[in-house]
Amino acid sequence: MKNRLYNISKRIDNLLGEPPPSFEQFAEMWQSADGLSKSLFELSLSDPQLTGRPKYYDKISEYLRRLGVQAQEPIDESFIQELTGDD
């Protein structure tokens, strides 16, 4: 399961590229992002533990809030334990 979480984190990192995007660049990317990508960013805002705090997390979480994305209720700790536990 840890491998799956690593893959989720890497997908987010790959979406962001290098160097960190400006707010304008991120907003443009957000408008054209597919549903899965948006969901992963929203998950990182709601529960960064599940996405492994993607690179530029502080900057991106600020951008998401500026775009009006709301953090959802934190995911139940037992579910997180199940996902992050040894396979």
PDB file of N, CA and C in Angstrom:
ATOM      1  N   MET A   1       0.823  -1.193   0.000  1.00  0.00           N
ATOM      2  CA  MET A   1       0.000   0.000   0.000  1.00  0.00           C
ATOM      3  C   MET A   1       0.866   1.255   0.000  1.00  0.00           C
ATOM      4  N   LYS A   2       2.029   1.212   0.682  1.00  0.00           N
ATOM      5  CA  LYS A   2       2.907   2.379   0.702  1.00  0.00           C
ATOM      6  C   LYS A   2       3.324   2.756  -0.706  1.00  0.00           C
ATOM      7  N   ASN A   3       3.495   1.758  -1.562  1.00  0.00           N
ATOM      8  CA  ASN A   3       3.867   2.023  -2.944  1.00  0.00           C
ATOM      9  C   ASN A   3       2.779   2.829  -3.645  1.00  0.00           C
ATOM     10  N   ARG A   4       1.521   2.529  -3.367  1.00  0.00           N
ATOM     11  CA  ARG A   4       0.414   3.278  -3.970  1.00  0.00           C
ATOM     12  C   ARG A   4       0.429   4.731  -3.524  1.00  0.00           C
ATOM     13  N   LEU A   5       0.680   4.964  -2.233  1.00  0.00           N
ATOM     14  CA  LEU A   5       0.735   6.328  -1.734  1.00  0.00           C
ATOM     15  C   LEU A   5       1.908   7.079  -2.349  1.00  0.00           C
ATOM     16  N   TYR A   6       3.034   6.405  -2.514  1.00  0.00           N
ATOM     17  CA  TYR A   6       4.187   7.007  -3.165  1.00  0.00           C
ATOM     18  C   TYR A   6       3.821   7.403  -4.593  1.00  0.00           C
ATOM     19  N   ASN A   7       3.114   6.534  -5.297  1.00  0.00           N
ATOM     20  CA  ASN A   7       2.716   6.827  -6.671  1.00  0.00           C
ATOM     21  C   ASN A   7       1.782   8.036  -6.739  1.00  0.00           C
ATOM     22  N   ILE A   8       0.883   8.165  -5.773  1.00  0.00           N
ATOM     23  CA  ILE A   8      -0.011   9.325  -5.722  1.00  0.00           C
ATOM     24  C   ILE A   8       0.815  10.592  -5.543  1.00  0.00           C
ATOM     25  N   SER A   9       1.740  10.564  -4.602  1.00  0.00           N
ATOM     26  CA  SER A   9       2.578  11.727  -4.349  1.00  0.00           C
ATOM     27  C   SER A   9       3.400  12.091  -5.578  1.00  0.00           C
ATOM     28  N   LYS A  10       3.954  11.111  -6.262  1.00  0.00           N
ATOM     29  CA  LYS A  10       4.756  11.367  -7.465  1.00  0.00           C
ATOM     30  C   LYS A  10       3.901  11.951  -8.575  1.00  0.00           C
ATOM     31  N   ARG A  11       2.652  11.512  -8.688  1.00  0.00           N
ATOM     32  CA  ARG A  11       1.768  12.073  -9.725  1.00  0.00           C
ATOM     33  C   ARG A  11       1.566  13.562  -9.486  1.00  0.00           C
ATOM     34  N   ILE A  12       1.338  13.938  -8.245  1.00  0.00           N
ATOM     35  CA  ILE A  12       1.168  15.350  -7.926  1.00  0.00           C
ATOM     36  C   ILE A  12       2.454  16.106  -8.230  1.00  0.00           C
ATOM     37  N   ASP A  13       3.593  15.557  -7.806  1.00  0.00           N
ATOM     38  CA  ASP A  13       4.868  16.216  -8.071  1.00  0.00           C
ATOM     39  C   ASP A  13       5.089  16.420  -9.566  1.00  0.00           C
ATOM     40  N   ASN A  14       4.762  15.419 -10.361  1.00  0.00           N
ATOM     41  CA  ASN A  14       4.943  15.519 -11.810  1.00  0.00           C
ATOM     42  C   ASN A  14       4.039  16.573 -12.424  1.00  0.00           C
ATOM     43  N   LEU A  15       2.864  16.761 -11.864  1.00  0.00           N
ATOM     44  CA  LEU A  15       1.957  17.787 -12.371  1.00  0.00           C
ATOM     45  C   LEU A  15       2.521  19.188 -12.146  1.00  0.00           C
ATOM     46  N   LEU A  16       3.294  19.355 -11.084  1.00  0.00           N
ATOM     47  CA  LEU A  16       3.788  20.673 -10.722  1.00  0.00           C
ATOM     48  C   LEU A  16       5.038  21.083 -11.493  1.00  0.00           C
ATOM     49  N   GLY A  17       5.899  20.127 -11.817  1.00  0.00           N
ATOM     50  CA  GLY A  17       7.111  20.451 -12.558  1.00  0.00           C
ATOM     51  C   GLY A  17       8.115  21.243 -11.738  1.00  0.00           C
ATOM     52  N   GLU A  18       9.101  21.809 -12.414  1.00  0.00           N
ATOM     53  CA  GLU A  18      10.165  22.601 -11.804  1.00  0.00           C
ATOM     54  C   GLU A  18      10.259  23.915 -12.544  1.00  0.00           C
ATOM     55  N   PRO A  19      10.592  24.984 -11.969  1.00  0.00           N
ATOM     56  CA  PRO A  19      10.491  25.341 -10.557  1.00  0.00           C
ATOM     57  C   PRO A  19       9.028  25.457 -10.157  1.00  0.00           C
ATOM     58  N   PRO A  20       8.734  25.847  -8.911  1.00  0.00           N
ATOM     59  CA  PRO A  20       7.326  25.945  -8.514  1.00  0.00           C
ATOM     60  C   PRO A  20       6.574  26.915  -9.418  1.00  0.00           C
ATOM     61  N   PRO A  21       5.352  26.574  -9.741  1.00  0.00           N
ATOM     62  CA  PRO A  21       4.575  27.464 -10.614  1.00  0.00           C
ATOM     63  C   PRO A  21       4.166  28.735  -9.879  1.00  0.00           C
ATOM     64  N   SER A  22       3.970  29.796 -10.639  1.00  0.00           N
ATOM     65  CA  SER A  22       3.395  31.015 -10.070  1.00  0.00           C
ATOM     66  C   SER A  22       1.901  30.759  -9.860  1.00  0.00           C
ATOM     67  N   PHE A  23       1.242  31.650  -9.150  1.00  0.00           N
ATOM     68  CA  PHE A  23      -0.192  31.484  -8.955  1.00  0.00           C
ATOM     69  C   PHE A  23      -0.918  31.469 -10.298  1.00  0.00           C
ATOM     70  N   GLU A  24      -0.528  32.354 -11.186  1.00  0.00           N
ATOM     71  CA  GLU A  24      -1.175  32.432 -12.495  1.00  0.00           C
ATOM     72  C   GLU A  24      -0.984  31.137 -13.288  1.00  0.00           C
ATOM     73  N   GLN A  25       0.232  30.587 -13.242  1.00  0.00           N
ATOM     74  CA  GLN A  25       0.493  29.320 -13.934  1.00  0.00           C
ATOM     75  C   GLN A  25      -0.332  28.190 -13.331  1.00  0.00           C
ATOM     76  N   PHE A  26      -0.390  28.166 -12.004  1.00  0.00           N
ATOM     77  CA  PHE A  26      -1.155  27.114 -11.344  1.00  0.00           C
ATOM     78  C   PHE A  26      -2.640  27.253 -11.659  1.00  0.00           C
ATOM     79  N   ALA A  27      -3.154  28.484 -11.633  1.00  0.00           N
ATOM     80  CA  ALA A  27      -4.575  28.709 -11.928  1.00  0.00           C
ATOM     81  C   ALA A  27      -4.907  28.253 -13.341  1.00  0.00           C
ATOM     82  N   GLU A  28      -4.016  28.498 -14.280  1.00  0.00           N
ATOM     83  CA  GLU A  28      -4.228  28.049 -15.661  1.00  0.00           C
ATOM     84  C   GLU A  28      -4.218  26.526 -15.739  1.00  0.00           C
ATOM     85  N   MET A  29      -3.261  25.913 -15.043  1.00  0.00           N
ATOM     86  CA  MET A  29      -3.193  24.455 -15.015  1.00  0.00           C
ATOM     87  C   MET A  29      -4.460  23.875 -14.373  1.00  0.00           C
ATOM     88  N   TRP A  30      -4.926  24.524 -13.306  1.00  0.00           N
ATOM     89  CA  TRP A  30      -6.108  24.055 -12.577  1.00  0.00           C
ATOM     90  C   TRP A  30      -7.334  24.038 -13.484  1.00  0.00           C
ATOM     91  N   GLN A  31      -7.482  25.057 -14.312  1.00  0.00           N
ATOM     92  CA  GLN A  31      -8.638  25.144 -15.198  1.00  0.00           C
ATOM     93  C   GLN A  31      -8.691  23.994 -16.195  1.00  0.00           C
ATOM     94  N   SER A  32      -7.528  23.522 -16.631  1.00  0.00           N
ATOM     95  CA  SER A  32      -7.506  22.460 -17.639  1.00  0.00           C
ATOM     96  C   SER A  32      -7.201  21.086 -17.047  1.00  0.00           C
ATOM     97  N   ALA A  33      -7.057  20.995 -15.725  1.00  0.00           N
ATOM     98  CA  ALA A  33      -6.715  19.715 -15.084  1.00  0.00           C
ATOM     99  C   ALA A  33      -7.880  18.732 -15.176  1.00  0.00           C
ATOM    100  N   ASP A  34      -7.530  17.455 -15.285  1.00  0.00           N
ATOM    101  CA  ASP A  34      -8.553  16.414 -15.291  1.00  0.00           C
ATOM    102  C   ASP A  34      -9.063  16.190 -13.863  1.00  0.00           C
ATOM    103  N   GLY A  35     -10.154  15.482 -13.746  1.00  0.00           N
ATOM    104  CA  GLY A  35     -10.794  15.255 -12.447  1.00  0.00           C
ATOM    105  C   GLY A  35      -9.907  14.552 -11.436  1.00  0.00           C
ATOM    106  N   LEU A  36      -9.119  13.572 -11.893  1.00  0.00           N
ATOM    107  CA  LEU A  36      -8.242  12.847 -10.973  1.00  0.00           C
ATOM    108  C   LEU A  36      -7.179  13.781 -10.407  1.00  0.00           C
ATOM    109  N   SER A  37      -6.584  14.593 -11.260  1.00  0.00           N
ATOM    110  CA  SER A  37      -5.549  15.521 -10.792  1.00  0.00           C
ATOM    111  C   SER A  37      -6.125  16.492  -9.777  1.00  0.00           C
ATOM    112  N   LYS A  38      -7.297  17.035 -10.060  1.00  0.00           N
ATOM    113  CA  LYS A  38      -7.926  17.951  -9.112  1.00  0.00           C
ATOM    114  C   LYS A  38      -8.214  17.251  -7.795  1.00  0.00           C
ATOM    115  N   SER A  39      -8.690  16.019  -7.882  1.00  0.00           N
ATOM    116  CA  SER A  39      -8.989  15.261  -6.662  1.00  0.00           C
ATOM    117  C   SER A  39      -7.741  15.038  -5.821  1.00  0.00           C
ATOM    118  N   LEU A  40      -6.618  14.771  -6.479  1.00  0.00           N
ATOM    119  CA  LEU A  40      -5.374  14.553  -5.733  1.00  0.00           C
ATOM    120  C   LEU A  40      -4.925  15.829  -5.034  1.00  0.00           C
ATOM    121  N   PHE A  41      -5.034  16.955  -5.707  1.00  0.00           N
ATOM    122  CA  PHE A  41      -4.681  18.218  -5.062  1.00  0.00           C
ATOM    123  C   PHE A  41      -5.629  18.509  -3.908  1.00  0.00           C
ATOM    124  N   GLU A  42      -6.929  18.269  -4.089  1.00  0.00           N
ATOM    125  CA  GLU A  42      -7.898  18.486  -3.021  1.00  0.00           C
ATOM    126  C   GLU A  42      -7.609  17.561  -1.843  1.00  0.00           C
ATOM    127  N   LEU A  43      -7.221  16.323  -2.128  1.00  0.00           N
ATOM    128  CA  LEU A  43      -6.858  15.387  -1.066  1.00  0.00           C
ATOM    129  C   LEU A  43      -5.645  15.895  -0.308  1.00  0.00           C
ATOM    130  N   SER A  44      -4.662  16.432  -1.024  1.00  0.00           N
ATOM    131  CA  SER A  44      -3.475  16.944  -0.342  1.00  0.00           C
ATOM    132  C   SER A  44      -3.828  18.119   0.568  1.00  0.00           C
ATOM    133  N   LEU A  45      -4.821  18.907   0.184  1.00  0.00           N
ATOM    134  CA  LEU A  45      -5.256  20.024   1.005  1.00  0.00           C
ATOM    135  C   LEU A  45      -6.010  19.520   2.234  1.00  0.00           C
ATOM    136  N   SER A  46      -6.829  18.497   2.054  1.00  0.00           N
ATOM    137  CA  SER A  46      -7.623  17.962   3.153  1.00  0.00           C
ATOM    138  C   SER A  46      -6.804  17.107   4.104  1.00  0.00           C
ATOM    139  N   ASP A  47      -5.900  16.324   3.558  1.00  0.00           N
ATOM    140  CA  ASP A  47      -5.144  15.386   4.378  1.00  0.00           C
ATOM    141  C   ASP A  47      -3.778  15.137   3.753  1.00  0.00           C
ATOM    142  N   PRO A  48      -2.826  16.053   3.946  1.00  0.00           N
ATOM    143  CA  PRO A  48      -1.518  15.916   3.300  1.00  0.00           C
ATOM    144  C   PRO A  48      -0.776  14.645   3.698  1.00  0.00           C
ATOM    145  N   GLN A  49      -1.154  14.045   4.799  1.00  0.00           N
ATOM    146  CA  GLN A  49      -0.522  12.796   5.222  1.00  0.00           C
ATOM    147  C   GLN A  49      -0.721  11.699   4.163  1.00  0.00           C
ATOM    148  N   LEU A  50      -1.863  11.713   3.499  1.00  0.00           N
ATOM    149  CA  LEU A  50      -2.146  10.686   2.494  1.00  0.00           C
ATOM    150  C   LEU A  50      -1.385  10.893   1.194  1.00  0.00           C
ATOM    151  N   THR A  51      -1.033  12.118   0.894  1.00  0.00           N
ATOM    152  CA  THR A  51      -0.321  12.372  -0.353  1.00  0.00           C
ATOM    153  C   THR A  51       1.168  12.586  -0.128  1.00  0.00           C
ATOM    154  N   GLY A  52       1.615  12.451   1.100  1.00  0.00           N
ATOM    155  CA  GLY A  52       3.027  12.596   1.377  1.00  0.00           C
ATOM    156  C   GLY A  52       3.528  14.024   1.256  1.00  0.00           C
ATOM    157  N   ARG A  53       2.657  14.992   1.493  1.00  0.00           N
ATOM    158  CA  ARG A  53       2.997  16.414   1.365  1.00  0.00           C
ATOM    159  C   ARG A  53       3.796  16.653   0.102  1.00  0.00           C
ATOM    160  N   PRO A  54       3.109  16.789  -1.015  1.00  0.00           N
ATOM    161  CA  PRO A  54       3.800  16.983  -2.290  1.00  0.00           C
ATOM    162  C   PRO A  54       4.733  18.192  -2.250  1.00  0.00           C
ATOM    163  N   LYS A  55       5.705  18.206  -3.166  1.00  0.00           N
ATOM    164  CA  LYS A  55       6.627  19.342  -3.182  1.00  0.00           C
ATOM    165  C   LYS A  55       5.836  20.628  -3.373  1.00  0.00           C
ATOM    166  N   TYR A  56       6.362  21.678  -2.803  1.00  0.00           N
ATOM    167  CA  TYR A  56       5.727  23.004  -2.830  1.00  0.00           C
ATOM    168  C   TYR A  56       4.374  23.009  -2.140  1.00  0.00           C
ATOM    169  N   TYR A  57       4.167  22.102  -1.203  1.00  0.00           N
ATOM    170  CA  TYR A  57       2.860  21.958  -0.558  1.00  0.00           C
ATOM    171  C   TYR A  57       2.342  23.284  -0.003  1.00  0.00           C
ATOM    172  N   ASP A  58       3.187  24.008   0.719  1.00  0.00           N
ATOM    173  CA  ASP A  58       2.719  25.251   1.346  1.00  0.00           C
ATOM    174  C   ASP A  58       2.244  26.246   0.289  1.00  0.00           C
ATOM    175  N   LYS A  59       3.000  26.386  -0.769  1.00  0.00           N
ATOM    176  CA  LYS A  59       2.645  27.319  -1.840  1.00  0.00           C
ATOM    177  C   LYS A  59       1.375  26.856  -2.562  1.00  0.00           C
ATOM    178  N   ILE A  60       1.307  25.570  -2.894  1.00  0.00           N
ATOM    179  CA  ILE A  60       0.157  25.040  -3.640  1.00  0.00           C
ATOM    180  C   ILE A  60      -1.112  25.084  -2.793  1.00  0.00           C
ATOM    181  N   SER A  61      -0.997  24.774  -1.508  1.00  0.00           N
ATOM    182  CA  SER A  61      -2.200  24.834  -0.663  1.00  0.00           C
ATOM    183  C   SER A  61      -2.720  26.267  -0.584  1.00  0.00           C
ATOM    184  N   GLU A  62      -1.814  27.237  -0.557  1.00  0.00           N
ATOM    185  CA  GLU A  62      -2.240  28.647  -0.590  1.00  0.00           C
ATOM    186  C   GLU A  62      -2.951  28.952  -1.909  1.00  0.00           C
ATOM    187  N   TYR A  63      -2.392  28.476  -3.021  1.00  0.00           N
ATOM    188  CA  TYR A  63      -3.013  28.687  -4.332  1.00  0.00           C
ATOM    189  C   TYR A  63      -4.414  28.079  -4.385  1.00  0.00           C
ATOM    190  N   LEU A  64      -4.536  26.856  -3.870  1.00  0.00           N
ATOM    191  CA  LEU A  64      -5.842  26.189  -3.885  1.00  0.00           C
ATOM    192  C   LEU A  64      -6.871  26.995  -3.107  1.00  0.00           C
ATOM    193  N   ARG A  65      -6.477  27.497  -1.964  1.00  0.00           N
ATOM    194  CA  ARG A  65      -7.401  28.314  -1.161  1.00  0.00           C
ATOM    195  C   ARG A  65      -7.776  29.593  -1.902  1.00  0.00           C
ATOM    196  N   ARG A  66      -6.808  30.194  -2.573  1.00  0.00           N
ATOM    197  CA  ARG A  66      -7.097  31.413  -3.347  1.00  0.00           C
ATOM    198  C   ARG A  66      -8.076  31.124  -4.487  1.00  0.00           C
ATOM    199  N   LEU A  67      -8.032  29.901  -5.006  1.00  0.00           N
ATOM    200  CA  LEU A  67      -8.944  29.498  -6.076  1.00  0.00           C
ATOM    201  C   LEU A  67     -10.304  29.059  -5.545  1.00  0.00           C
ATOM    202  N   GLY A  68     -10.464  29.072  -4.222  1.00  0.00           N
ATOM    203  CA  GLY A  68     -11.748  28.726  -3.624  1.00  0.00           C
ATOM    204  C   GLY A  68     -11.936  27.260  -3.311  1.00  0.00           C
ATOM    205  N   VAL A  69     -10.864  26.471  -3.392  1.00  0.00           N
ATOM    206  CA  VAL A  69     -10.967  25.046  -3.068  1.00  0.00           C
ATOM    207  C   VAL A  69     -11.004  24.916  -1.550  1.00  0.00           C
ATOM    208  N   GLN A  70     -11.997  24.211  -1.061  1.00  0.00           N
ATOM    209  CA  GLN A  70     -12.187  24.029   0.372  1.00  0.00           C
ATOM    210  C   GLN A  70     -11.642  22.674   0.807  1.00  0.00           C
ATOM    211  N   ALA A  71     -10.933  22.658   1.909  1.00  0.00           N
ATOM    212  CA  ALA A  71     -10.485  21.389   2.483  1.00  0.00           C
ATOM    213  C   ALA A  71     -11.706  20.638   2.982  1.00  0.00           C
ATOM    214  N   GLN A  72     -11.741  19.364   2.728  1.00  0.00           N
ATOM    215  CA  GLN A  72     -12.832  18.515   3.189  1.00  0.00           C
ATOM    216  C   GLN A  72     -12.541  18.045   4.609  1.00  0.00           C
ATOM    217  N   GLU A  73     -13.497  17.364   5.191  1.00  0.00           N
ATOM    218  CA  GLU A  73     -13.288  16.782   6.512  1.00  0.00           C
ATOM    219  C   GLU A  73     -12.080  15.852   6.460  1.00  0.00           C
ATOM    220  N   PRO A  74     -11.238  15.876   7.500  1.00  0.00           N
ATOM    221  CA  PRO A  74     -10.110  14.936   7.512  1.00  0.00           C
ATOM    222  C   PRO A  74     -10.609  13.495   7.409  1.00  0.00           C
ATOM    223  N   ILE A  75      -9.824  12.692   6.754  1.00  0.00           N
ATOM    224  CA  ILE A  75     -10.176  11.286   6.573  1.00  0.00           C
ATOM    225  C   ILE A  75      -9.950  10.549   7.882  1.00  0.00           C
ATOM    226  N   ASP A  76     -10.823   9.612   8.184  1.00  0.00           N
ATOM    227  CA  ASP A  76     -10.756   8.836   9.415  1.00  0.00           C
ATOM    228  C   ASP A  76      -9.368   8.225   9.584  1.00  0.00           C
ATOM    229  N   GLU A  77      -8.801   8.391  10.779  1.00  0.00           N
ATOM    230  CA  GLU A  77      -7.447   7.914  11.072  1.00  0.00           C
ATOM    231  C   GLU A  77      -7.286   6.414  10.841  1.00  0.00           C
ATOM    232  N   SER A  78      -8.311   5.613  11.115  1.00  0.00           N
ATOM    233  CA  SER A  78      -8.199   4.165  10.914  1.00  0.00           C
ATOM    234  C   SER A  78      -8.048   3.835   9.426  1.00  0.00           C
ATOM    235  N   PHE A  79      -8.698   4.618   8.572  1.00  0.00           N
ATOM    236  CA  PHE A  79      -8.571   4.415   7.128  1.00  0.00           C
ATOM    237  C   PHE A  79      -7.155   4.766   6.682  1.00  0.00           C
ATOM    238  N   ILE A  80      -6.604   5.842   7.234  1.00  0.00           N
ATOM    239  CA  ILE A  80      -5.224   6.224   6.907  1.00  0.00           C
ATOM    240  C   ILE A  80      -4.267   5.131   7.358  1.00  0.00           C
ATOM    241  N   GLN A  81      -4.487   4.594   8.538  1.00  0.00           N
ATOM    242  CA  GLN A  81      -3.630   3.508   9.042  1.00  0.00           C
ATOM    243  C   GLN A  81      -3.676   2.308   8.104  1.00  0.00           C
ATOM    244  N   GLU A  82      -4.875   2.016   7.620  1.00  0.00           N
ATOM    245  CA  GLU A  82      -5.042   0.889   6.701  1.00  0.00           C
ATOM    246  C   GLU A  82      -4.262   1.130   5.403  1.00  0.00           C
ATOM    247  N   LEU A  83      -4.301   2.351   4.894  1.00  0.00           N
ATOM    248  CA  LEU A  83      -3.607   2.669   3.655  1.00  0.00           C
ATOM    249  C   LEU A  83      -2.102   2.700   3.816  1.00  0.00           C
ATOM    250  N   THR A  84      -1.631   3.188   4.949  1.00  0.00           N
ATOM    251  CA  THR A  84      -0.200   3.341   5.152  1.00  0.00           C
ATOM    252  C   THR A  84       0.463   2.149   5.831  1.00  0.00           C
ATOM    253  N   GLY A  85      -0.348   1.163   6.266  1.00  0.00           N
ATOM    254  CA  GLY A  85       0.205  -0.006   6.919  1.00  0.00           C
ATOM    255  C   GLY A  85       0.990  -0.870   5.935  1.00  0.00           C
ATOM    256  N   ASP A  86       1.777  -1.766   6.483  1.00  0.00           N
ATOM    257  CA  ASP A  86       2.556  -2.678   5.640  1.00  0.00           C
ATOM    258  C   ASP A  86       1.650  -3.568   4.828  1.00  0.00           C
ATOM    259  N   ASP A  87       2.094  -3.845   3.590  1.00  0.00           N
ATOM    260  CA  ASP A  87       1.310  -4.721   2.703  1.00  0.00           C
ATOM    261  C   ASP A  87       1.342  -6.152   3.177  1.00  0.00           C
TER     262      ASP A  87
END
